[in-house]
Each structure stands twice: as structure tokens, then as C-alpha cells.
């Protein structure tokens, strides 16, 4: 790659990085403004879903609910004390998370 092309590439990367920084700062200011206006939790819910940790928590909760439902459905087919104990434990964990 020629030196001129490398310089153009670096310039383009710098420009893109600056644009991303500006967008992030604008987003940060919007969120700070919304939080400053003390919006209720329901109005902020879409923002929480953007948070990677919150998204992971949501997926975990959904998976626990699904596991409980499967265990509940199979309860009559499998008379297992261990499965029953697991279902109860998952239900307790799910309640504690909320």
C-alpha cells in the first residue's frame, strides 16, 4: 500500500472515530437529560434493554422461566424429587431477582 493511501485510510479512521465520539456524547447527554427529568422506570425500560448487562439479565430470566415451564409440564411424566426441587429452586431464584 502506498504511503498516500495509508494516510487517507488513517484520516478516514480518525474522522469516523470522531463522529462516533460525537454521537456517543450526544446520546450520553440525552440520557442524562432524561434521567434528570426523573422519568419513571417504564419510560426508561427501552434504554435499560440497550445495556449489555441488563440484556444478559433479561435473557437469563427468560431462560429460567422457560426451564420452570418445562419442568412444570414434565412434572406428571417424571415423578422425580430432584426435578421438583430444581423447579422450586429456580422459581425461588426468579422471585428473588425481581
PDB file of N, CA and C in Angstrom:
ATOM      1  N   UNK A   1       0.843  -1.180   0.000  1.00  0.00           N
ATOM      2  CA  UNK A   1       0.000   0.000   0.000  1.00  0.00           C
ATOM      3  C   UNK A   1       0.887   1.241   0.000  1.00  0.00           C
ATOM      4  N   UNK A   2       0.539   2.193  -0.822  1.00  0.00           N
ATOM      5  CA  UNK A   2       1.332   3.414  -0.908  1.00  0.00           C
ATOM      6  C   UNK A   2       1.123   4.267   0.336  1.00  0.00           C
ATOM      7  N   UNK A   3       2.103   5.107   0.594  1.00  0.00           N
ATOM      8  CA  UNK A   3       2.057   5.995   1.762  1.00  0.00           C
ATOM      9  C   UNK A   3       0.827   6.899   1.705  1.00  0.00           C
ATOM     10  N   UNK A   4       0.500   7.433   0.544  1.00  0.00           N
ATOM     11  CA  UNK A   4      -0.658   8.327   0.408  1.00  0.00           C
ATOM     12  C   UNK A   4      -1.946   7.597   0.770  1.00  0.00           C
ATOM     13  N   UNK A   5      -2.075   6.352   0.317  1.00  0.00           N
ATOM     14  CA  UNK A   5      -3.274   5.571   0.629  1.00  0.00           C
ATOM     15  C   UNK A   5      -3.374   5.292   2.125  1.00  0.00           C
ATOM     16  N   UNK A   6      -2.226   5.024   2.749  1.00  0.00           N
ATOM     17  CA  UNK A   6      -2.220   4.789   4.198  1.00  0.00           C
ATOM     18  C   UNK A   6      -2.676   6.045   4.935  1.00  0.00           C
ATOM     19  N   UNK A   7      -2.170   7.189   4.467  1.00  0.00           N
ATOM     20  CA  UNK A   7      -2.538   8.459   5.099  1.00  0.00           C
ATOM     21  C   UNK A   7      -4.044   8.720   4.956  1.00  0.00           C
ATOM     22  N   UNK A   8      -4.593   8.448   3.778  1.00  0.00           N
ATOM     23  CA  UNK A   8      -6.037   8.615   3.553  1.00  0.00           C
ATOM     24  C   UNK A   8      -6.841   7.685   4.454  1.00  0.00           C
ATOM     25  N   UNK A   9      -6.361   6.456   4.596  1.00  0.00           N
ATOM     26  CA  UNK A   9      -7.048   5.484   5.454  1.00  0.00           C
ATOM     27  C   UNK A   9      -7.037   5.943   6.905  1.00  0.00           C
ATOM     28  N   UNK A  10      -5.882   6.399   7.372  1.00  0.00           N
ATOM     29  CA  UNK A  10      -5.778   6.876   8.754  1.00  0.00           C
ATOM     30  C   UNK A  10      -6.670   8.094   8.967  1.00  0.00           C
ATOM     31  N   UNK A  11      -6.712   8.983   7.990  1.00  0.00           N
ATOM     32  CA  UNK A  11      -7.569  10.165   8.074  1.00  0.00           C
ATOM     33  C   UNK A  11      -9.039   9.757   8.145  1.00  0.00           C
ATOM     34  N   UNK A  12      -9.438   8.795   7.328  1.00  0.00           N
ATOM     35  CA  UNK A  12     -10.830   8.323   7.337  1.00  0.00           C
ATOM     36  C   UNK A  12     -11.175   7.672   8.675  1.00  0.00           C
ATOM     37  N   UNK A  13     -10.250   6.888   9.211  1.00  0.00           N
ATOM     38  CA  UNK A  13     -10.484   6.237  10.513  1.00  0.00           C
ATOM     39  C   UNK A  13     -10.617   7.291  11.605  1.00  0.00           C
ATOM     40  N   UNK A  14      -9.738   8.284  11.577  1.00  0.00           N
ATOM     41  CA  UNK A  14      -9.823   9.368  12.570  1.00  0.00           C
ATOM     42  C   UNK A  14     -11.152  10.103  12.482  1.00  0.00           C
ATOM     43  N   UNK A  15     -11.599  10.374  11.265  1.00  0.00           N
ATOM     44  CA  UNK A  15     -12.869  11.076  11.061  1.00  0.00           C
ATOM     45  C   UNK A  15     -14.033  10.230  11.584  1.00  0.00           C
ATOM     46  N   UNK A  16     -14.015   8.935  11.276  1.00  0.00           N
ATOM     47  CA  UNK A  16     -15.078   8.049  11.764  1.00  0.00           C
ATOM     48  C   UNK A  16     -15.078   7.963  13.283  1.00  0.00           C
ATOM     49  N   UNK A  17     -13.899   7.885  13.877  1.00  0.00           N
ATOM     50  CA  UNK A  17     -13.797   7.805  15.337  1.00  0.00           C
ATOM     51  C   UNK A  17     -14.348   9.081  15.970  1.00  0.00           C
ATOM     52  N   UNK A  18     -14.046  10.227  15.372  1.00  0.00           N
ATOM     53  CA  UNK A  18     -14.546  11.496  15.898  1.00  0.00           C
ATOM     54  C   UNK A  18     -16.070  11.573  15.797  1.00  0.00           C
ATOM     55  N   UNK A  19     -16.626  11.111  14.677  1.00  0.00           N
ATOM     56  CA  UNK A  19     -18.082  11.103  14.509  1.00  0.00           C
ATOM     57  C   UNK A  19     -18.734  10.192  15.550  1.00  0.00           C
ATOM     58  N   UNK A  20     -18.150   9.021  15.771  1.00  0.00           N
ATOM     59  CA  UNK A  20     -18.683   8.106  16.787  1.00  0.00           C
ATOM     60  C   UNK A  20     -18.620   8.742  18.170  1.00  0.00           C
ATOM     61  N   UNK A  21     -17.515   9.399  18.465  1.00  0.00           N
ATOM     62  CA  UNK A  21     -17.374  10.068  19.763  1.00  0.00           C
ATOM     63  C   UNK A  21     -18.455  11.123  19.951  1.00  0.00           C
ATOM     64  N   UNK A  22     -18.723  11.899  18.910  1.00  0.00           N
ATOM     65  CA  UNK A  22     -19.754  12.927  18.984  1.00  0.00           C
ATOM     66  C   UNK A  22     -21.128  12.311  19.192  1.00  0.00           C
ATOM     67  N   UNK A  23     -21.419  11.212  18.508  1.00  0.00           N
ATOM     68  CA  UNK A  23     -22.716  10.548  18.675  1.00  0.00           C
ATOM     69  C   UNK A  23     -22.868   9.976  20.072  1.00  0.00           C
ATOM     70  N   UNK A  24     -21.798   9.407  20.594  1.00  0.00           N
ATOM     71  CA  UNK A  24     -21.839   8.864  21.961  1.00  0.00           C
ATOM     72  C   UNK A  24     -22.073   9.980  22.959  1.00  0.00           C
ATOM     73  N   UNK A  25     -21.392  11.090  22.793  1.00  0.00           N
ATOM     74  CA  UNK A  25     -21.564  12.221  23.702  1.00  0.00           C
ATOM     75  C   UNK A  25     -22.989  12.770  23.627  1.00  0.00           C
ATOM     76  N   UNK A  26     -23.540  12.853  22.421  1.00  0.00           N
ATOM     77  CA  UNK A  26     -24.914  13.323  22.266  1.00  0.00           C
ATOM     78  C   UNK A  26     -25.880  12.352  22.955  1.00  0.00           C
ATOM     79  N   UNK A  27     -25.657  11.064  22.803  1.00  0.00           N
ATOM     80  CA  UNK A  27     -26.508  10.064  23.451  1.00  0.00           C
ATOM     81  C   UNK A  27     -26.396  10.179  24.974  1.00  0.00           C
ATOM     82  N   UNK A  28     -25.163  10.364  25.464  1.00  0.00           N
ATOM     83  CA  UNK A  28     -24.956  10.492  26.905  1.00  0.00           C
ATOM     84  C   UNK A  28     -25.721  11.690  27.450  1.00  0.00           C
ATOM     85  N   UNK A  29     -25.680  12.793  26.723  1.00  0.00           N
ATOM     86  CA  UNK A  29     -26.390  13.999  27.169  1.00  0.00           C
ATOM     87  C   UNK A  29     -27.898  13.785  27.166  1.00  0.00           C
ATOM     88  N   UNK A  30     -28.403  13.077  26.149  1.00  0.00           N
ATOM     89  CA  UNK A  30     -29.846  12.796  26.109  1.00  0.00           C
ATOM     90  C   UNK A  30     -30.276  11.951  27.303  1.00  0.00           C
ATOM     91  N   UNK A  31     -29.503  10.899  27.580  1.00  0.00           N
ATOM     92  CA  UNK A  31     -29.845  10.021  28.702  1.00  0.00           C
ATOM     93  C   UNK A  31     -29.758  10.784  30.015  1.00  0.00           C
ATOM     94  N   UNK A  32     -28.714  11.584  30.181  1.00  0.00           N
ATOM     95  CA  UNK A  32     -28.572  12.379  31.407  1.00  0.00           C
ATOM     96  C   UNK A  32     -29.746  13.335  31.557  1.00  0.00           C
ATOM     97  N   UNK A  33     -30.178  13.922  30.458  1.00  0.00           N
ATOM     98  CA  UNK A  33     -31.318  14.830  30.493  1.00  0.00           C
ATOM     99  C   UNK A  33     -32.587  14.084  30.882  1.00  0.00           C
ATOM    100  N   UNK A  34     -32.785  12.911  30.300  1.00  0.00           N
ATOM    101  CA  UNK A  34     -33.981  12.125  30.617  1.00  0.00           C
ATOM    102  C   UNK A  34     -33.976  11.713  32.082  1.00  0.00           C
ATOM    103  N   UNK A  35     -32.822  11.294  32.576  1.00  0.00           N
ATOM    104  CA  UNK A  35     -32.734  10.895  33.978  1.00  0.00           C
ATOM    105  C   UNK A  35     -32.932  12.099  34.883  1.00  0.00           C
ATOM    106  N   UNK A  36     -32.438  13.249  34.449  1.00  0.00           N
ATOM    107  CA  UNK A  36     -32.613  14.478  35.220  1.00  0.00           C
ATOM    108  C   UNK A  36     -34.067  14.882  35.318  1.00  0.00           C
ATOM    109  N   UNK A  37     -34.841  14.537  34.304  1.00  0.00           N
ATOM    110  CA  UNK A  37     -36.271  14.834  34.320  1.00  0.00           C
ATOM    111  C   UNK A  37     -37.054  13.803  35.123  1.00  0.00           C
ATOM    112  N   UNK A  38     -36.344  12.850  35.683  1.00  0.00           N
ATOM    113  CA  UNK A  38     -36.932  11.828  36.559  1.00  0.00           C
ATOM    114  C   UNK A  38     -38.094  11.080  35.894  1.00  0.00           C
ATOM    115  N   UNK A  39     -37.793  10.540  34.727  1.00  0.00           N
ATOM    116  CA  UNK A  39     -38.796   9.721  34.063  1.00  0.00           C
ATOM    117  C   UNK A  39     -39.023   8.458  34.877  1.00  0.00           C
ATOM    118  N   UNK A  40     -40.200   7.900  34.767  1.00  0.00           N
ATOM    119  CA  UNK A  40     -40.469   6.685  35.522  1.00  0.00           C
ATOM    120  C   UNK A  40     -39.772   5.487  34.876  1.00  0.00           C
ATOM    121  N   UNK A  41     -39.667   4.414  35.641  1.00  0.00           N
ATOM    122  CA  UNK A  41     -38.960   3.194  35.202  1.00  0.00           C
ATOM    123  C   UNK A  41     -39.510   2.657  33.888  1.00  0.00           C
ATOM    124  N   UNK A  42     -40.807   2.730  33.699  1.00  0.00           N
ATOM    125  CA  UNK A  42     -41.418   2.196  32.477  1.00  0.00           C
ATOM    126  C   UNK A  42     -40.932   2.955  31.241  1.00  0.00           C
ATOM    127  N   UNK A  43     -40.787   4.251  31.361  1.00  0.00           N
ATOM    128  CA  UNK A  43     -40.322   5.061  30.235  1.00  0.00           C
ATOM    129  C   UNK A  43     -38.849   4.800  29.928  1.00  0.00           C
ATOM    130  N   UNK A  44     -38.081   4.418  30.956  1.00  0.00           N
ATOM    131  CA  UNK A  44     -36.658   4.153  30.767  1.00  0.00           C
ATOM    132  C   UNK A  44     -36.372   2.719  30.330  1.00  0.00           C
ATOM    133  N   UNK A  45     -37.356   1.857  30.381  1.00  0.00           N
ATOM    134  CA  UNK A  45     -37.153   0.434  30.076  1.00  0.00           C
ATOM    135  C   UNK A  45     -36.440   0.189  28.742  1.00  0.00           C
ATOM    136  N   UNK A  46     -36.818   0.882  27.653  1.00  0.00           N
ATOM    137  CA  UNK A  46     -36.092   0.648  26.397  1.00  0.00           C
ATOM    138  C   UNK A  46     -34.603   0.965  26.502  1.00  0.00           C
ATOM    139  N   UNK A  47     -34.236   1.956  27.308  1.00  0.00           N
ATOM    140  CA  UNK A  47     -32.818   2.274  27.482  1.00  0.00           C
ATOM    141  C   UNK A  47     -32.106   1.189  28.264  1.00  0.00           C
ATOM    142  N   UNK A  48     -32.775   0.632  29.267  1.00  0.00           N
ATOM    143  CA  UNK A  48     -32.156  -0.436  30.046  1.00  0.00           C
ATOM    144  C   UNK A  48     -31.861  -1.645  29.178  1.00  0.00           C
ATOM    145  N   UNK A  49     -32.728  -1.898  28.207  1.00  0.00           N
ATOM    146  CA  UNK A  49     -32.523  -3.045  27.337  1.00  0.00           C
ATOM    147  C   UNK A  49     -31.296  -2.888  26.449  1.00  0.00           C
ATOM    148  N   UNK A  50     -30.823  -1.671  26.270  1.00  0.00           N
ATOM    149  CA  UNK A  50     -29.618  -1.435  25.481  1.00  0.00           C
ATOM    150  C   UNK A  50     -28.358  -1.774  26.267  1.00  0.00           C
ATOM    151  N   UNK A  51     -28.470  -1.790  27.570  1.00  0.00           N
ATOM    152  CA  UNK A  51     -27.329  -2.096  28.419  1.00  0.00           C
ATOM    153  C   UNK A  51     -26.998  -3.581  28.300  1.00  0.00           C
ATOM    154  N   UNK A  52     -25.738  -3.930  27.972  1.00  0.00           N
ATOM    155  CA  UNK A  52     -25.383  -5.350  27.805  1.00  0.00           C
ATOM    156  C   UNK A  52     -25.681  -6.195  29.041  1.00  0.00           C
ATOM    157  N   UNK A  53     -25.404  -5.664  30.222  1.00  0.00           N
ATOM    158  CA  UNK A  53     -25.668  -6.440  31.438  1.00  0.00           C
ATOM    159  C   UNK A  53     -27.152  -6.657  31.630  1.00  0.00           C
ATOM    160  N   UNK A  54     -27.938  -5.628  31.374  1.00  0.00           N
ATOM    161  CA  UNK A  54     -29.389  -5.740  31.519  1.00  0.00           C
ATOM    162  C   UNK A  54     -29.949  -6.730  30.507  1.00  0.00           C
ATOM    163  N   UNK A  55     -29.423  -6.667  29.293  1.00  0.00           N
ATOM    164  CA  UNK A  55     -29.862  -7.580  28.242  1.00  0.00           C
ATOM    165  C   UNK A  55     -29.557  -9.024  28.638  1.00  0.00           C
ATOM    166  N   UNK A  56     -28.375  -9.249  29.197  1.00  0.00           N
ATOM    167  CA  UNK A  56     -27.988 -10.585  29.643  1.00  0.00           C
ATOM    168  C   UNK A  56     -28.910 -11.054  30.776  1.00  0.00           C
ATOM    169  N   UNK A  57     -29.212 -10.153  31.690  1.00  0.00           N
ATOM    170  CA  UNK A  57     -30.116 -10.493  32.793  1.00  0.00           C
ATOM    171  C   UNK A  57     -31.494 -10.876  32.269  1.00  0.00           C
ATOM    172  N   UNK A  58     -31.978 -10.126  31.300  1.00  0.00           N
ATOM    173  CA  UNK A  58     -33.286 -10.409  30.717  1.00  0.00           C
ATOM    174  C   UNK A  58     -33.302 -11.790  30.073  1.00  0.00           C
ATOM    175  N   UNK A  59     -32.242 -12.106  29.324  1.00  0.00           N
ATOM    176  CA  UNK A  59     -32.159 -13.432  28.691  1.00  0.00           C
ATOM    177  C   UNK A  59     -32.102 -14.531  29.745  1.00  0.00           C
ATOM    178  N   UNK A  60     -31.361 -14.300  30.815  1.00  0.00           N
ATOM    179  CA  UNK A  60     -31.278 -15.295  31.888  1.00  0.00           C
ATOM    180  C   UNK A  60     -32.644 -15.515  32.537  1.00  0.00           C
ATOM    181  N   UNK A  61     -33.358 -14.423  32.797  1.00  0.00           N
ATOM    182  CA  UNK A  61     -34.693 -14.542  33.393  1.00  0.00           C
ATOM    183  C   UNK A  61     -35.624 -15.318  32.478  1.00  0.00           C
ATOM    184  N   UNK A  62     -35.582 -15.006  31.179  1.00  0.00           N
ATOM    185  CA  UNK A  62     -36.439 -15.705  30.223  1.00  0.00           C
ATOM    186  C   UNK A  62     -36.105 -17.189  30.173  1.00  0.00           C
ATOM    187  N   UNK A  63     -34.825 -17.514  30.240  1.00  0.00           N
ATOM    188  CA  UNK A  63     -34.403 -18.912  30.211  1.00  0.00           C
ATOM    189  C   UNK A  63     -34.831 -19.642  31.475  1.00  0.00           C
ATOM    190  N   UNK A  64     -34.747 -18.978  32.608  1.00  0.00           N
ATOM    191  CA  UNK A  64     -35.192 -19.593  33.864  1.00  0.00           C
ATOM    192  C   UNK A  64     -36.691 -19.847  33.815  1.00  0.00           C
ATOM    193  N   UNK A  65     -37.451 -18.880  33.317  1.00  0.00           N
ATOM    194  CA  UNK A  65     -38.903 -19.054  33.197  1.00  0.00           C
ATOM    195  C   UNK A  65     -39.207 -20.236  32.283  1.00  0.00           C
ATOM    196  N   UNK A  66     -38.502 -20.328  31.174  1.00  0.00           N
ATOM    197  CA  UNK A  66     -38.721 -21.440  30.251  1.00  0.00           C
ATOM    198  C   UNK A  66     -38.386 -22.780  30.908  1.00  0.00           C
ATOM    199  N   UNK A  67     -37.276 -22.827  31.654  1.00  0.00           N
ATOM    200  CA  UNK A  67     -36.896 -24.066  32.344  1.00  0.00           C
ATOM    201  C   UNK A  67     -37.956 -24.464  33.362  1.00  0.00           C
ATOM    202  N   UNK A  68     -38.482 -23.498  34.084  1.00  0.00           N
ATOM    203  CA  UNK A  68     -39.535 -23.781  35.070  1.00  0.00           C
ATOM    204  C   UNK A  68     -40.772 -24.336  34.370  1.00  0.00           C
ATOM    205  N   UNK A  69     -41.135 -23.729  33.238  1.00  0.00           N
ATOM    206  CA  UNK A  69     -42.307 -24.199  32.494  1.00  0.00           C
ATOM    207  C   UNK A  69     -42.124 -25.630  32.007  1.00  0.00           C
ATOM    208  N   UNK A  70     -40.938 -25.957  31.503  1.00  0.00           N
ATOM    209  CA  UNK A  70     -40.666 -27.328  31.031  1.00  0.00           C
ATOM    210  C   UNK A  70     -40.721 -28.299  32.195  1.00  0.00           C
ATOM    211  N   UNK A  71     -40.131 -27.911  33.314  1.00  0.00           N
ATOM    212  CA  UNK A  71     -40.167 -28.785  34.493  1.00  0.00           C
ATOM    213  C   UNK A  71     -41.603 -28.977  34.986  1.00  0.00           C
ATOM    214  N   UNK A  72     -42.379 -27.923  34.927  1.00  0.00           N
ATOM    215  CA  UNK A  72     -43.783 -27.998  35.347  1.00  0.00           C
ATOM    216  C   UNK A  72     -44.570 -28.943  34.434  1.00  0.00           C
ATOM    217  N   UNK A  73     -44.341 -28.820  33.118  1.00  0.00           N
ATOM    218  CA  UNK A  73     -45.044 -29.676  32.163  1.00  0.00           C
ATOM    219  C   UNK A  73     -44.661 -31.147  32.321  1.00  0.00           C
ATOM    220  N   UNK A  74     -43.406 -31.389  32.640  1.00  0.00           N
ATOM    221  CA  UNK A  74     -42.943 -32.780  32.743  1.00  0.00           C
ATOM    222  C   UNK A  74     -43.116 -33.353  34.146  1.00  0.00           C
ATOM    223  N   UNK A  75     -43.694 -32.576  35.035  1.00  0.00           N
ATOM    224  CA  UNK A  75     -43.837 -32.987  36.433  1.00  0.00           C
ATOM    225  C   UNK A  75     -44.638 -34.284  36.576  1.00  0.00           C
ATOM    226  N   UNK A  76     -45.693 -34.417  35.804  1.00  0.00           N
ATOM    227  CA  UNK A  76     -46.532 -35.616  35.905  1.00  0.00           C
ATOM    228  C   UNK A  76     -45.896 -36.816  35.228  1.00  0.00           C
ATOM    229  N   UNK A  77     -45.127 -36.577  34.186  1.00  0.00           N
ATOM    230  CA  UNK A  77     -44.486 -37.676  33.466  1.00  0.00           C
ATOM    231  C   UNK A  77     -43.301 -38.232  34.251  1.00  0.00           C
ATOM    232  N   UNK A  78     -42.598 -37.379  34.953  1.00  0.00           N
ATOM    233  CA  UNK A  78     -41.431 -37.804  35.720  1.00  0.00           C
ATOM    234  C   UNK A  78     -41.659 -37.475  37.186  1.00  0.00           C
ATOM    235  N   UNK A  79     -41.827 -38.473  37.978  1.00  0.00           N
ATOM    236  CA  UNK A  79     -42.036 -38.274  39.414  1.00  0.00           C
ATOM    237  C   UNK A  79     -40.671 -38.228  40.101  1.00  0.00           C
ATOM    238  N   UNK A  80     -39.946 -37.165  39.848  1.00  0.00           N
ATOM    239  CA  UNK A  80     -38.595 -37.039  40.382  1.00  0.00           C
ATOM    240  C   UNK A  80     -38.544 -35.960  41.441  1.00  0.00           C
ATOM    241  N   UNK A  81     -38.059 -36.334  42.606  1.00  0.00           N
ATOM    242  CA  UNK A  81     -37.903 -35.365  43.704  1.00  0.00           C
ATOM    243  C   UNK A  81     -36.837 -34.329  43.343  1.00  0.00           C
ATOM    244  N   UNK A  82     -35.806 -34.753  42.624  1.00  0.00           N
ATOM    245  CA  UNK A  82     -34.738 -33.829  42.244  1.00  0.00           C
ATOM    246  C   UNK A  82     -35.243 -32.786  41.254  1.00  0.00           C
ATOM    247  N   UNK A  83     -36.048 -33.216  40.285  1.00  0.00           N
ATOM    248  CA  UNK A  83     -36.600 -32.254  39.336  1.00  0.00           C
ATOM    249  C   UNK A  83     -37.552 -31.288  40.027  1.00  0.00           C
ATOM    250  N   UNK A  84     -38.324 -31.799  40.964  1.00  0.00           N
ATOM    251  CA  UNK A  84     -39.232 -30.937  41.723  1.00  0.00           C
ATOM    252  C   UNK A  84     -38.435 -29.916  42.540  1.00  0.00           C
ATOM    253  N   UNK A  85     -37.362 -30.388  43.173  1.00  0.00           N
ATOM    254  CA  UNK A  85     -36.524 -29.489  43.967  1.00  0.00           C
ATOM    255  C   UNK A  85     -35.871 -28.428  43.070  1.00  0.00           C
ATOM    256  N   UNK A  86     -35.436 -28.850  41.887  1.00  0.00           N
ATOM    257  CA  UNK A  86     -34.832 -27.908  40.943  1.00  0.00           C
ATOM    258  C   UNK A  86     -35.849 -26.862  40.487  1.00  0.00           C
ATOM    259  N   UNK A  87     -37.058 -27.289  40.182  1.00  0.00           N
ATOM    260  CA  UNK A  87     -38.111 -26.370  39.766  1.00  0.00           C
ATOM    261  C   UNK A  87     -38.389 -25.345  40.857  1.00  0.00           C
ATOM    262  N   UNK A  88     -38.491 -25.816  42.092  1.00  0.00           N
ATOM    263  CA  UNK A  88     -38.751 -24.913  43.215  1.00  0.00           C
ATOM    264  C   UNK A  88     -37.589 -23.941  43.429  1.00  0.00           C
ATOM    265  N   UNK A  89     -36.381 -24.439  43.277  1.00  0.00           N
ATOM    266  CA  UNK A  89     -35.203 -23.590  43.459  1.00  0.00           C
ATOM    267  C   UNK A  89     -35.153 -22.511  42.380  1.00  0.00           C
ATOM    268  N   UNK A  90     -35.424 -22.888  41.138  1.00  0.00           N
ATOM    269  CA  UNK A  90     -35.436 -21.914  40.045  1.00  0.00           C
ATOM    270  C   UNK A  90     -36.532 -20.872  40.253  1.00  0.00           C
ATOM    271  N   UNK A  91     -37.668 -21.324  40.727  1.00  0.00           N
ATOM    272  CA  UNK A  91     -38.773 -20.390  40.991  1.00  0.00           C
ATOM    273  C   UNK A  91     -38.379 -19.398  42.078  1.00  0.00           C
ATOM    274  N   UNK A  92     -37.734 -19.883  43.114  1.00  0.00           N
ATOM    275  CA  UNK A  92     -37.292 -19.008  44.208  1.00  0.00           C
ATOM    276  C   UNK A  92     -36.258 -17.996  43.708  1.00  0.00           C
ATOM    277  N   UNK A  93     -35.309 -18.469  42.911  1.00  0.00           N
ATOM    278  CA  UNK A  93     -34.294 -17.571  42.363  1.00  0.00           C
ATOM    279  C   UNK A  93     -34.937 -16.509  41.499  1.00  0.00           C
ATOM    280  N   UNK A  94     -35.893 -16.899  40.680  1.00  0.00           N
ATOM    281  CA  UNK A  94     -36.580 -15.954  39.799  1.00  0.00           C
ATOM    282  C   UNK A  94     -37.332 -14.901  40.616  1.00  0.00           C
ATOM    283  N   UNK A  95     -37.996 -15.314  41.673  1.00  0.00           N
ATOM    284  CA  UNK A  95     -38.720 -14.373  42.539  1.00  0.00           C
ATOM    285  C   UNK A  95     -37.747 -13.414  43.214  1.00  0.00           C
ATOM    286  N   UNK A  96     -36.607 -13.940  43.664  1.00  0.00           N
ATOM    287  CA  UNK A  96     -35.607 -13.098  44.339  1.00  0.00           C
ATOM    288  C   UNK A  96     -35.000 -12.066  43.397  1.00  0.00           C
ATOM    289  N   UNK A  97     -34.860 -12.412  42.123  1.00  0.00           N
ATOM    290  CA  UNK A  97     -34.286 -11.491  41.137  1.00  0.00           C
ATOM    291  C   UNK A  97     -35.202 -10.308  40.920  1.00  0.00           C
ATOM    292  N   UNK A  98     -36.486 -10.542  40.874  1.00  0.00           N
ATOM    293  CA  UNK A  98     -37.460  -9.471  40.621  1.00  0.00           C
ATOM    294  C   UNK A  98     -37.511  -8.588  41.810  1.00  0.00           C
TER     295      UNK A  98
END
